[in-house]
Amino acid sequence: MMVSDIVGQIHVLLGLPGSGKGTQAGRICADIDIAHLSSGVLFRGFGAHIDSANQNNSIRRYIDRGELVPDDLACNVVMHEIESIHRKGKGVILDGFPRTLNQAEFLDKSLAERGGNITSVINLYVSEEISLERILSRGRHDDLPEIARRRLDLHQQLSAPVLDYYRSEGRLLVVNGDRDEDEVQADLLRAIGSQI
């Protein structure tokens, strides 16, 4: 895959917590020179544009309370970052966004208004059992079993309509994430390449 093939491309990587989205997005970006946009990292305050948009304090309040960033705020911040990446002549892989149906619809509408669209939507599938096992094995202070279970349940509740939305339009590709990282990466690259 040539670098020129991915300039301006937008790839959406979905999956349960612990499915390997962040790991695989990082590997893919290193392989094909595409930007990795993680909404989790972005919302934790890493990104000068958040301060310049005077939204950092508002986002921080939600993060500190363990709440999801509201759709309108999340959408505006992510769209601003996508535009910034595209101005640099790069494509982007979205990790953790869209998280809700409203965000998915907003993303499609915003891109269409700018003459663009999503290149590929890939669900990195792992079972709930594998997801919980991986979350708990990370050893983070907030990865206690009851918290991990609540986080997983909330994710399932929010993401099911997003998956249905893309599936109903024939845009959803599925890659099995419960395998060796190299095998998963190879399948993801094939899936991305098939949509370019």
N, C-alpha and C. Protein backbone atom coordinates (compact mmCIF):
# COMPACT_ATOMS: atom_id res chain seq x y z
N MET A 1 0.85 -1.18 0.00
CA MET A 1 0.00 0.00 0.00
C MET A 1 0.89 1.24 0.00
N MET A 2 0.69 2.13 -0.95
CA MET A 2 1.49 3.34 -1.05
C MET A 2 0.99 4.39 -0.06
N VAL A 3 1.89 5.23 0.44
CA VAL A 3 1.50 6.29 1.36
C VAL A 3 0.45 7.18 0.71
N SER A 4 0.60 7.46 -0.58
CA SER A 4 -0.35 8.33 -1.27
C SER A 4 -1.76 7.77 -1.26
N ASP A 5 -1.88 6.44 -1.11
CA ASP A 5 -3.19 5.81 -1.10
C ASP A 5 -3.99 6.14 0.16
N ILE A 6 -3.31 6.49 1.25
CA ILE A 6 -4.01 6.68 2.51
C ILE A 6 -4.15 8.14 2.91
N VAL A 7 -3.61 9.07 2.12
CA VAL A 7 -3.74 10.49 2.44
C VAL A 7 -5.23 10.86 2.38
N GLY A 8 -5.74 11.44 3.46
CA GLY A 8 -7.13 11.84 3.51
C GLY A 8 -8.09 10.72 3.87
N GLN A 9 -7.59 9.50 4.02
CA GLN A 9 -8.45 8.38 4.37
C GLN A 9 -8.85 8.46 5.84
N ILE A 10 -10.05 7.94 6.15
CA ILE A 10 -10.51 7.86 7.53
C ILE A 10 -10.98 6.44 7.80
N HIS A 11 -10.30 5.77 8.73
CA HIS A 11 -10.64 4.40 9.09
C HIS A 11 -11.13 4.38 10.53
N VAL A 12 -12.22 3.68 10.78
CA VAL A 12 -12.80 3.58 12.12
C VAL A 12 -12.53 2.18 12.66
N LEU A 13 -11.89 2.12 13.84
CA LEU A 13 -11.59 0.84 14.47
C LEU A 13 -12.42 0.73 15.75
N LEU A 14 -13.36 -0.21 15.73
CA LEU A 14 -14.26 -0.44 16.86
C LEU A 14 -13.86 -1.71 17.59
N GLY A 15 -14.36 -1.88 18.81
CA GLY A 15 -14.09 -3.10 19.56
C GLY A 15 -14.25 -2.88 21.04
N LEU A 16 -14.44 -3.97 21.77
CA LEU A 16 -14.58 -3.91 23.22
C LEU A 16 -13.30 -3.42 23.88
N PRO A 17 -13.40 -2.91 25.11
CA PRO A 17 -12.18 -2.62 25.86
C PRO A 17 -11.33 -3.90 25.95
N GLY A 18 -10.05 -3.77 25.73
CA GLY A 18 -9.18 -4.94 25.78
C GLY A 18 -9.13 -5.72 24.48
N SER A 19 -9.80 -5.23 23.44
CA SER A 19 -9.80 -5.96 22.15
C SER A 19 -8.48 -5.77 21.40
N GLY A 20 -7.70 -4.77 21.83
CA GLY A 20 -6.42 -4.52 21.16
C GLY A 20 -6.46 -3.36 20.18
N LYS A 21 -7.50 -2.54 20.24
CA LYS A 21 -7.63 -1.42 19.31
C LYS A 21 -6.41 -0.51 19.33
N GLY A 22 -6.03 -0.09 20.55
CA GLY A 22 -4.90 0.85 20.66
C GLY A 22 -3.60 0.24 20.18
N THR A 23 -3.36 -1.00 20.57
CA THR A 23 -2.14 -1.70 20.14
C THR A 23 -2.09 -1.83 18.63
N GLN A 24 -3.19 -2.29 18.05
CA GLN A 24 -3.21 -2.51 16.61
C GLN A 24 -3.19 -1.21 15.82
N ALA A 25 -3.89 -0.19 16.31
CA ALA A 25 -3.85 1.10 15.63
C ALA A 25 -2.43 1.64 15.59
N GLY A 26 -1.70 1.49 16.71
CA GLY A 26 -0.31 1.94 16.75
C GLY A 26 0.56 1.19 15.76
N ARG A 27 0.37 -0.11 15.67
CA ARG A 27 1.16 -0.93 14.74
C ARG A 27 0.86 -0.57 13.29
N ILE A 28 -0.42 -0.39 12.99
CA ILE A 28 -0.82 -0.06 11.62
C ILE A 28 -0.27 1.30 11.22
N CYS A 29 -0.37 2.26 12.13
CA CYS A 29 0.11 3.61 11.82
C CYS A 29 1.61 3.63 11.55
N ALA A 30 2.34 2.82 12.28
CA ALA A 30 3.78 2.74 12.05
C ALA A 30 4.08 2.08 10.71
N ASP A 31 3.21 1.18 10.30
CA ASP A 31 3.43 0.41 9.06
C ASP A 31 3.09 1.21 7.81
N ILE A 32 2.01 1.99 7.85
CA ILE A 32 1.57 2.68 6.63
C ILE A 32 1.55 4.20 6.76
N ASP A 33 2.17 4.74 7.81
CA ASP A 33 2.29 6.19 7.97
C ASP A 33 0.93 6.89 7.93
N ILE A 34 0.07 6.45 8.82
CA ILE A 34 -1.24 7.06 8.98
C ILE A 34 -1.34 7.50 10.44
N ALA A 35 -2.09 8.56 10.73
CA ALA A 35 -2.18 9.09 12.09
C ALA A 35 -3.14 8.26 12.94
N HIS A 36 -2.77 8.06 14.21
CA HIS A 36 -3.61 7.33 15.17
C HIS A 36 -4.30 8.36 16.05
N LEU A 37 -5.62 8.42 15.98
CA LEU A 37 -6.39 9.35 16.80
C LEU A 37 -7.19 8.56 17.82
N SER A 38 -6.70 8.52 19.04
CA SER A 38 -7.37 7.84 20.15
C SER A 38 -8.18 8.86 20.92
N SER A 39 -9.50 8.67 20.96
CA SER A 39 -10.34 9.63 21.68
C SER A 39 -10.00 9.63 23.17
N GLY A 40 -9.62 8.48 23.73
CA GLY A 40 -9.25 8.43 25.14
C GLY A 40 -8.06 9.31 25.45
N VAL A 41 -7.02 9.20 24.64
CA VAL A 41 -5.83 10.05 24.83
C VAL A 41 -6.19 11.51 24.59
N LEU A 42 -6.96 11.75 23.55
CA LEU A 42 -7.34 13.12 23.20
C LEU A 42 -8.11 13.78 24.34
N PHE A 43 -9.07 13.06 24.90
CA PHE A 43 -9.93 13.64 25.92
C PHE A 43 -9.23 13.79 27.26
N ARG A 44 -8.14 13.07 27.45
CA ARG A 44 -7.40 13.25 28.70
C ARG A 44 -6.52 14.50 28.66
N GLY A 45 -6.60 15.25 27.57
CA GLY A 45 -5.96 16.55 27.53
C GLY A 45 -4.73 16.65 26.68
N PHE A 46 -4.36 15.57 25.97
CA PHE A 46 -3.20 15.63 25.10
C PHE A 46 -3.62 16.15 23.74
N GLY A 47 -3.38 17.42 23.50
CA GLY A 47 -3.78 18.04 22.24
C GLY A 47 -3.95 19.52 22.47
N ALA A 48 -3.09 20.30 21.87
CA ALA A 48 -3.11 21.74 22.12
C ALA A 48 -4.41 22.38 21.68
N HIS A 49 -5.06 21.79 20.67
CA HIS A 49 -6.28 22.40 20.16
C HIS A 49 -7.40 22.41 21.20
N ILE A 50 -7.35 21.47 22.16
CA ILE A 50 -8.39 21.44 23.19
C ILE A 50 -8.30 22.70 24.04
N ASP A 51 -7.08 23.07 24.41
CA ASP A 51 -6.90 24.31 25.17
C ASP A 51 -7.30 25.51 24.34
N SER A 52 -6.90 25.53 23.06
CA SER A 52 -7.19 26.69 22.23
C SER A 52 -8.68 26.82 21.98
N ALA A 53 -9.40 25.69 22.01
CA ALA A 53 -10.84 25.73 21.82
C ALA A 53 -11.56 26.00 23.14
N ASN A 54 -10.78 26.21 24.22
CA ASN A 54 -11.33 26.49 25.54
C ASN A 54 -12.28 25.40 26.03
N GLN A 55 -11.96 24.15 25.67
CA GLN A 55 -12.84 23.04 26.04
C GLN A 55 -12.16 22.09 27.04
N ASN A 56 -10.90 22.31 27.31
CA ASN A 56 -10.16 21.37 28.15
C ASN A 56 -10.78 21.22 29.54
N ASN A 57 -11.13 22.36 30.17
CA ASN A 57 -11.69 22.29 31.52
C ASN A 57 -13.00 21.53 31.55
N SER A 58 -13.82 21.76 30.55
CA SER A 58 -15.10 21.07 30.48
C SER A 58 -14.91 19.57 30.30
N ILE A 59 -14.03 19.18 29.40
CA ILE A 59 -13.75 17.77 29.18
C ILE A 59 -13.16 17.14 30.43
N ARG A 60 -12.24 17.85 31.08
CA ARG A 60 -11.59 17.32 32.27
C ARG A 60 -12.60 17.02 33.38
N ARG A 61 -13.63 17.85 33.50
CA ARG A 61 -14.65 17.60 34.53
C ARG A 61 -15.33 16.26 34.33
N TYR A 62 -15.66 15.93 33.08
CA TYR A 62 -16.30 14.64 32.80
C TYR A 62 -15.34 13.48 33.06
N ILE A 63 -14.11 13.63 32.59
CA ILE A 63 -13.12 12.57 32.76
C ILE A 63 -12.88 12.30 34.25
N ASP A 64 -12.72 13.38 35.03
CA ASP A 64 -12.44 13.23 36.46
C ASP A 64 -13.58 12.55 37.21
N ARG A 65 -14.81 12.71 36.71
CA ARG A 65 -15.96 12.06 37.34
C ARG A 65 -16.21 10.66 36.80
N GLY A 66 -15.38 10.23 35.84
CA GLY A 66 -15.55 8.91 35.26
C GLY A 66 -16.74 8.81 34.32
N GLU A 67 -17.16 9.95 33.79
CA GLU A 67 -18.31 10.00 32.89
C GLU A 67 -17.85 10.13 31.45
N LEU A 68 -18.74 9.76 30.54
CA LEU A 68 -18.44 9.93 29.12
C LEU A 68 -18.54 11.41 28.76
N VAL A 69 -17.67 11.84 27.87
CA VAL A 69 -17.75 13.20 27.34
C VAL A 69 -19.02 13.29 26.50
N PRO A 70 -19.87 14.31 26.70
CA PRO A 70 -21.11 14.42 25.92
C PRO A 70 -20.85 14.42 24.42
N ASP A 71 -21.83 13.89 23.68
CA ASP A 71 -21.66 13.71 22.24
C ASP A 71 -21.25 14.98 21.51
N ASP A 72 -21.94 16.11 21.80
CA ASP A 72 -21.65 17.33 21.04
C ASP A 72 -20.21 17.79 21.26
N LEU A 73 -19.75 17.73 22.50
CA LEU A 73 -18.39 18.14 22.82
C LEU A 73 -17.38 17.17 22.21
N ALA A 74 -17.64 15.88 22.35
CA ALA A 74 -16.73 14.86 21.79
C ALA A 74 -16.63 15.01 20.28
N CYS A 75 -17.76 15.20 19.63
CA CYS A 75 -17.78 15.30 18.16
C CYS A 75 -16.99 16.52 17.67
N ASN A 76 -17.18 17.65 18.33
CA ASN A 76 -16.48 18.86 17.90
C ASN A 76 -14.97 18.73 18.06
N VAL A 77 -14.54 18.16 19.18
CA VAL A 77 -13.10 18.02 19.42
C VAL A 77 -12.48 17.04 18.42
N VAL A 78 -13.13 15.89 18.21
CA VAL A 78 -12.59 14.88 17.29
C VAL A 78 -12.57 15.42 15.86
N MET A 79 -13.64 16.11 15.44
CA MET A 79 -13.68 16.64 14.08
C MET A 79 -12.58 17.68 13.87
N HIS A 80 -12.34 18.50 14.88
CA HIS A 80 -11.26 19.50 14.80
C HIS A 80 -9.92 18.81 14.59
N GLU A 81 -9.70 17.70 15.31
CA GLU A 81 -8.43 16.97 15.19
C GLU A 81 -8.30 16.30 13.82
N ILE A 82 -9.40 15.73 13.32
CA ILE A 82 -9.37 15.12 11.97
C ILE A 82 -8.97 16.15 10.93
N GLU A 83 -9.56 17.33 11.01
CA GLU A 83 -9.23 18.39 10.05
C GLU A 83 -7.77 18.78 10.16
N SER A 84 -7.26 18.87 11.38
CA SER A 84 -5.85 19.21 11.59
C SER A 84 -4.93 18.16 10.98
N ILE A 85 -5.27 16.90 11.15
CA ILE A 85 -4.47 15.80 10.58
C ILE A 85 -4.50 15.85 9.06
N HIS A 86 -5.67 16.08 8.49
CA HIS A 86 -5.79 16.12 7.04
C HIS A 86 -5.03 17.30 6.44
N ARG A 87 -4.98 18.41 7.18
CA ARG A 87 -4.20 19.56 6.68
C ARG A 87 -2.73 19.22 6.57
N LYS A 88 -2.30 18.23 7.36
CA LYS A 88 -0.90 17.79 7.30
C LYS A 88 -0.70 16.74 6.21
N GLY A 89 -1.76 16.44 5.46
CA GLY A 89 -1.64 15.50 4.35
C GLY A 89 -1.62 14.04 4.76
N LYS A 90 -2.25 13.72 5.90
CA LYS A 90 -2.23 12.34 6.38
C LYS A 90 -3.65 11.80 6.49
N GLY A 91 -3.74 10.49 6.42
CA GLY A 91 -4.97 9.80 6.74
C GLY A 91 -5.00 9.55 8.23
N VAL A 92 -6.12 9.01 8.73
CA VAL A 92 -6.27 8.82 10.17
C VAL A 92 -7.05 7.53 10.46
N ILE A 93 -6.66 6.88 11.55
CA ILE A 93 -7.42 5.75 12.05
C ILE A 93 -7.99 6.16 13.41
N LEU A 94 -9.32 6.10 13.53
CA LEU A 94 -10.01 6.51 14.75
C LEU A 94 -10.14 5.33 15.69
N ASP A 95 -9.70 5.51 16.91
CA ASP A 95 -9.72 4.47 17.94
C ASP A 95 -10.54 4.99 19.12
N GLY A 96 -11.74 4.40 19.33
CA GLY A 96 -12.60 4.84 20.42
C GLY A 96 -13.65 5.86 20.02
N PHE A 97 -13.75 6.14 18.75
CA PHE A 97 -14.74 7.08 18.23
C PHE A 97 -15.14 6.62 16.83
N PRO A 98 -16.43 6.59 16.54
CA PRO A 98 -17.57 6.99 17.36
C PRO A 98 -17.93 5.93 18.39
N ARG A 99 -18.37 6.40 19.56
CA ARG A 99 -18.73 5.51 20.65
C ARG A 99 -20.23 5.34 20.77
N THR A 100 -20.99 6.31 20.23
CA THR A 100 -22.45 6.25 20.30
C THR A 100 -23.03 6.42 18.91
N LEU A 101 -24.31 6.08 18.76
CA LEU A 101 -24.98 6.23 17.47
C LEU A 101 -25.01 7.69 17.05
N ASN A 102 -25.24 8.60 17.98
CA ASN A 102 -25.23 10.04 17.64
C ASN A 102 -23.88 10.45 17.08
N GLN A 103 -22.80 9.94 17.67
CA GLN A 103 -21.47 10.27 17.18
C GLN A 103 -21.23 9.70 15.79
N ALA A 104 -21.71 8.49 15.54
CA ALA A 104 -21.55 7.87 14.21
C ALA A 104 -22.28 8.68 13.15
N GLU A 105 -23.50 9.10 13.47
CA GLU A 105 -24.28 9.89 12.51
C GLU A 105 -23.65 11.26 12.30
N PHE A 106 -23.15 11.85 13.38
CA PHE A 106 -22.48 13.15 13.27
C PHE A 106 -21.25 13.05 12.38
N LEU A 107 -20.46 12.00 12.57
CA LEU A 107 -19.24 11.83 11.79
C LEU A 107 -19.57 11.72 10.29
N ASP A 108 -20.56 10.91 9.95
CA ASP A 108 -20.95 10.79 8.55
C ASP A 108 -21.40 12.13 7.98
N LYS A 109 -22.25 12.84 8.73
CA LYS A 109 -22.78 14.12 8.27
C LYS A 109 -21.67 15.16 8.11
N SER A 110 -20.80 15.24 9.10
CA SER A 110 -19.71 16.23 9.06
C SER A 110 -18.75 15.97 7.90
N LEU A 111 -18.44 14.69 7.68
CA LEU A 111 -17.54 14.37 6.57
C LEU A 111 -18.20 14.65 5.22
N ALA A 112 -19.49 14.32 5.12
CA ALA A 112 -20.22 14.57 3.86
C ALA A 112 -20.26 16.06 3.54
N GLU A 113 -20.43 16.88 4.56
CA GLU A 113 -20.45 18.35 4.36
C GLU A 113 -19.11 18.86 3.84
N ARG A 114 -18.05 18.10 4.10
CA ARG A 114 -16.70 18.49 3.66
C ARG A 114 -16.27 17.71 2.42
N GLY A 115 -17.21 16.98 1.83
CA GLY A 115 -16.90 16.22 0.61
C GLY A 115 -16.13 14.94 0.87
N GLY A 116 -16.18 14.43 2.10
CA GLY A 116 -15.45 13.22 2.43
C GLY A 116 -16.36 12.12 2.94
N ASN A 117 -15.76 11.01 3.30
CA ASN A 117 -16.51 9.91 3.91
C ASN A 117 -15.55 8.96 4.62
N ILE A 118 -16.13 8.03 5.35
CA ILE A 118 -15.33 7.02 6.03
C ILE A 118 -14.87 5.99 5.01
N THR A 119 -13.60 5.65 5.06
CA THR A 119 -13.03 4.69 4.12
C THR A 119 -13.35 3.26 4.54
N SER A 120 -13.17 2.95 5.82
CA SER A 120 -13.47 1.61 6.31
C SER A 120 -13.90 1.66 7.76
N VAL A 121 -14.76 0.70 8.14
CA VAL A 121 -15.20 0.53 9.52
C VAL A 121 -14.92 -0.92 9.88
N ILE A 122 -14.05 -1.11 10.88
CA ILE A 122 -13.64 -2.47 11.25
C ILE A 122 -13.92 -2.71 12.72
N ASN A 123 -14.62 -3.80 13.01
CA ASN A 123 -14.85 -4.21 14.39
C ASN A 123 -13.81 -5.27 14.74
N LEU A 124 -12.94 -4.94 15.69
CA LEU A 124 -11.92 -5.88 16.16
C LEU A 124 -12.59 -6.73 17.24
N TYR A 125 -13.07 -7.89 16.84
CA TYR A 125 -13.93 -8.70 17.71
C TYR A 125 -13.16 -9.59 18.68
N VAL A 126 -13.53 -9.48 19.94
CA VAL A 126 -13.16 -10.46 20.96
C VAL A 126 -14.40 -10.69 21.81
N SER A 127 -14.48 -11.85 22.45
CA SER A 127 -15.63 -12.15 23.31
C SER A 127 -15.58 -11.31 24.57
N GLU A 128 -16.72 -11.23 25.28
CA GLU A 128 -16.75 -10.51 26.55
C GLU A 128 -15.77 -11.12 27.55
N GLU A 129 -15.67 -12.45 27.53
CA GLU A 129 -14.77 -13.13 28.46
C GLU A 129 -13.32 -12.73 28.23
N ILE A 130 -12.92 -12.70 26.96
CA ILE A 130 -11.55 -12.30 26.61
C ILE A 130 -11.34 -10.84 26.97
N SER A 131 -12.34 -10.00 26.69
CA SER A 131 -12.24 -8.58 27.02
C SER A 131 -11.99 -8.39 28.51
N LEU A 132 -12.79 -9.04 29.35
CA LEU A 132 -12.63 -8.92 30.80
C LEU A 132 -11.27 -9.44 31.25
N GLU A 133 -10.87 -10.56 30.69
CA GLU A 133 -9.57 -11.16 31.06
C GLU A 133 -8.43 -10.20 30.75
N ARG A 134 -8.48 -9.57 29.59
CA ARG A 134 -7.42 -8.65 29.20
C ARG A 134 -7.44 -7.38 30.03
N ILE A 135 -8.64 -6.86 30.32
CA ILE A 135 -8.74 -5.65 31.14
C ILE A 135 -8.11 -5.91 32.51
N LEU A 136 -8.48 -7.02 33.11
CA LEU A 136 -8.01 -7.33 34.47
C LEU A 136 -6.52 -7.64 34.50
N SER A 137 -5.97 -8.13 33.40
CA SER A 137 -4.55 -8.48 33.38
C SER A 137 -3.65 -7.25 33.23
N ARG A 138 -4.25 -6.10 32.89
CA ARG A 138 -3.44 -4.89 32.71
C ARG A 138 -2.92 -4.36 34.04
N GLY A 139 -3.63 -4.65 35.12
CA GLY A 139 -3.16 -4.26 36.44
C GLY A 139 -3.29 -2.81 36.77
N ARG A 140 -4.17 -2.08 36.07
CA ARG A 140 -4.37 -0.67 36.41
C ARG A 140 -5.18 -0.56 37.70
N HIS A 141 -5.03 0.56 38.40
CA HIS A 141 -5.71 0.72 39.69
C HIS A 141 -7.22 0.74 39.55
N ASP A 142 -7.73 1.17 38.38
CA ASP A 142 -9.18 1.23 38.20
C ASP A 142 -9.73 0.02 37.45
N ASP A 143 -8.90 -1.00 37.25
CA ASP A 143 -9.34 -2.21 36.54
C ASP A 143 -9.73 -3.32 37.52
N LEU A 144 -10.51 -2.96 38.53
CA LEU A 144 -11.05 -3.94 39.44
C LEU A 144 -12.19 -4.69 38.76
N PRO A 145 -12.46 -5.93 39.13
CA PRO A 145 -13.48 -6.73 38.44
C PRO A 145 -14.84 -6.05 38.30
N GLU A 146 -15.33 -5.43 39.40
CA GLU A 146 -16.67 -4.82 39.32
C GLU A 146 -16.67 -3.59 38.43
N ILE A 147 -15.57 -2.82 38.45
CA ILE A 147 -15.47 -1.63 37.59
C ILE A 147 -15.32 -2.05 36.14
N ALA A 148 -14.51 -3.07 35.90
CA ALA A 148 -14.31 -3.56 34.54
C ALA A 148 -15.62 -4.08 33.96
N ARG A 149 -16.40 -4.79 34.78
CA ARG A 149 -17.68 -5.32 34.32
C ARG A 149 -18.64 -4.20 33.97
N ARG A 150 -18.69 -3.16 34.82
CA ARG A 150 -19.57 -2.01 34.54
C ARG A 150 -19.15 -1.31 33.26
N ARG A 151 -17.84 -1.13 33.10
CA ARG A 151 -17.32 -0.47 31.91
C ARG A 151 -17.68 -1.26 30.65
N LEU A 152 -17.55 -2.58 30.74
CA LEU A 152 -17.87 -3.44 29.61
C LEU A 152 -19.36 -3.39 29.29
N ASP A 153 -20.20 -3.44 30.33
CA ASP A 153 -21.65 -3.38 30.11
C ASP A 153 -22.06 -2.07 29.45
N LEU A 154 -21.47 -0.96 29.92
CA LEU A 154 -21.79 0.34 29.33
C LEU A 154 -21.33 0.39 27.88
N HIS A 155 -20.14 -0.12 27.62
CA HIS A 155 -19.63 -0.14 26.26
C HIS A 155 -20.56 -0.93 25.34
N GLN A 156 -21.00 -2.10 25.80
CA GLN A 156 -21.90 -2.93 25.00
C GLN A 156 -23.20 -2.20 24.71
N GLN A 157 -23.73 -1.54 25.72
CA GLN A 157 -24.99 -0.82 25.57
C GLN A 157 -24.88 0.29 24.53
N LEU A 158 -23.76 1.03 24.56
CA LEU A 158 -23.58 2.14 23.63
C LEU A 158 -23.14 1.70 22.24
N SER A 159 -22.32 0.65 22.19
CA SER A 159 -21.73 0.28 20.90
C SER A 159 -22.64 -0.59 20.04
N ALA A 160 -23.58 -1.30 20.63
CA ALA A 160 -24.46 -2.17 19.84
C ALA A 160 -25.18 -1.39 18.74
N PRO A 161 -25.78 -0.22 19.03
CA PRO A 161 -26.43 0.55 17.96
C PRO A 161 -25.44 1.05 16.90
N VAL A 162 -24.19 1.33 17.31
CA VAL A 162 -23.17 1.79 16.35
C VAL A 162 -22.84 0.66 15.38
N LEU A 163 -22.63 -0.54 15.91
CA LEU A 163 -22.35 -1.70 15.06
C LEU A 163 -23.52 -1.98 14.14
N ASP A 164 -24.75 -1.90 14.66
CA ASP A 164 -25.95 -2.13 13.84
C ASP A 164 -26.05 -1.09 12.73
N TYR A 165 -25.71 0.14 13.05
CA TYR A 165 -25.76 1.24 12.08
C TYR A 165 -24.85 0.96 10.88
N TYR A 166 -23.61 0.62 11.16
CA TYR A 166 -22.67 0.34 10.07
C TYR A 166 -22.98 -0.98 9.38
N ARG A 167 -23.44 -1.98 10.15
CA ARG A 167 -23.78 -3.28 9.57
C ARG A 167 -24.95 -3.15 8.61
N SER A 168 -25.96 -2.37 8.99
CA SER A 168 -27.17 -2.23 8.17
C SER A 168 -26.88 -1.57 6.82
N GLU A 169 -25.79 -0.80 6.78
CA GLU A 169 -25.40 -0.13 5.54
C GLU A 169 -24.34 -0.91 4.78
N GLY A 170 -24.01 -2.09 5.27
CA GLY A 170 -23.03 -2.93 4.58
C GLY A 170 -21.61 -2.41 4.67
N ARG A 171 -21.32 -1.60 5.69
CA ARG A 171 -19.99 -1.00 5.81
C ARG A 171 -19.11 -1.66 6.86
N LEU A 172 -19.66 -2.58 7.64
CA LEU A 172 -18.92 -3.14 8.77
C LEU A 172 -18.11 -4.37 8.37
N LEU A 173 -16.80 -4.30 8.61
CA LEU A 173 -15.92 -5.44 8.43
C LEU A 173 -15.56 -5.96 9.82
N VAL A 174 -15.35 -7.26 9.95
CA VAL A 174 -15.03 -7.85 11.25
C VAL A 174 -13.71 -8.60 11.16
N VAL A 175 -12.83 -8.34 12.13
CA VAL A 175 -11.55 -9.03 12.23
C VAL A 175 -11.47 -9.67 13.61
N ASN A 176 -11.09 -10.93 13.66
CA ASN A 176 -10.96 -11.65 14.92
C ASN A 176 -9.73 -11.15 15.68
N GLY A 177 -9.96 -10.55 16.85
CA GLY A 177 -8.86 -9.98 17.63
C GLY A 177 -8.26 -10.94 18.64
N ASP A 178 -8.78 -12.16 18.71
CA ASP A 178 -8.28 -13.12 19.70
C ASP A 178 -7.25 -14.06 19.08
N ARG A 179 -6.18 -13.47 18.53
CA ARG A 179 -5.11 -14.23 17.89
C ARG A 179 -3.79 -13.53 18.10
N ASP A 180 -2.75 -14.11 17.55
CA ASP A 180 -1.43 -13.49 17.60
C ASP A 180 -1.50 -12.08 17.00
N GLU A 181 -0.78 -11.13 17.62
CA GLU A 181 -0.84 -9.73 17.17
C GLU A 181 -0.46 -9.57 15.71
N ASP A 182 0.51 -10.33 15.24
CA ASP A 182 0.93 -10.21 13.84
C ASP A 182 -0.17 -10.66 12.89
N GLU A 183 -0.89 -11.74 13.26
CA GLU A 183 -2.00 -12.22 12.43
C GLU A 183 -3.12 -11.19 12.38
N VAL A 184 -3.43 -10.62 13.53
CA VAL A 184 -4.48 -9.60 13.59
C VAL A 184 -4.09 -8.39 12.74
N GLN A 185 -2.85 -7.95 12.88
CA GLN A 185 -2.38 -6.80 12.11
C GLN A 185 -2.48 -7.07 10.61
N ALA A 186 -2.07 -8.25 10.18
CA ALA A 186 -2.13 -8.60 8.76
C ALA A 186 -3.55 -8.53 8.24
N ASP A 187 -4.51 -9.06 9.02
CA ASP A 187 -5.91 -9.03 8.59
C ASP A 187 -6.46 -7.61 8.57
N LEU A 188 -6.06 -6.81 9.55
CA LEU A 188 -6.51 -5.41 9.56
C LEU A 188 -5.98 -4.65 8.35
N LEU A 189 -4.71 -4.85 8.03
CA LEU A 189 -4.14 -4.18 6.85
C LEU A 189 -4.83 -4.63 5.57
N ARG A 190 -5.17 -5.92 5.50
CA ARG A 190 -5.91 -6.40 4.32
C ARG A 190 -7.29 -5.75 4.25
N ALA A 191 -7.96 -5.66 5.41
CA ALA A 191 -9.29 -5.05 5.44
C ALA A 191 -9.24 -3.58 5.03
N ILE A 192 -8.25 -2.85 5.55
CA ILE A 192 -8.08 -1.45 5.19
C ILE A 192 -7.77 -1.31 3.70
N GLY A 193 -6.84 -2.14 3.22
CA GLY A 193 -6.46 -2.07 1.82
C GLY A 193 -7.60 -2.41 0.87
N SER A 194 -8.50 -3.27 1.30
CA SER A 194 -9.62 -3.67 0.43
C SER A 194 -10.62 -2.55 0.23
N GLN A 195 -10.59 -1.55 1.10
CA GLN A 195 -11.56 -0.45 1.02
C GLN A 195 -11.00 0.80 0.36
N ILE A 196 -9.71 0.78 0.05
CA ILE A 196 -9.09 1.96 -0.57
C ILE A 196 -9.27 1.94 -2.07
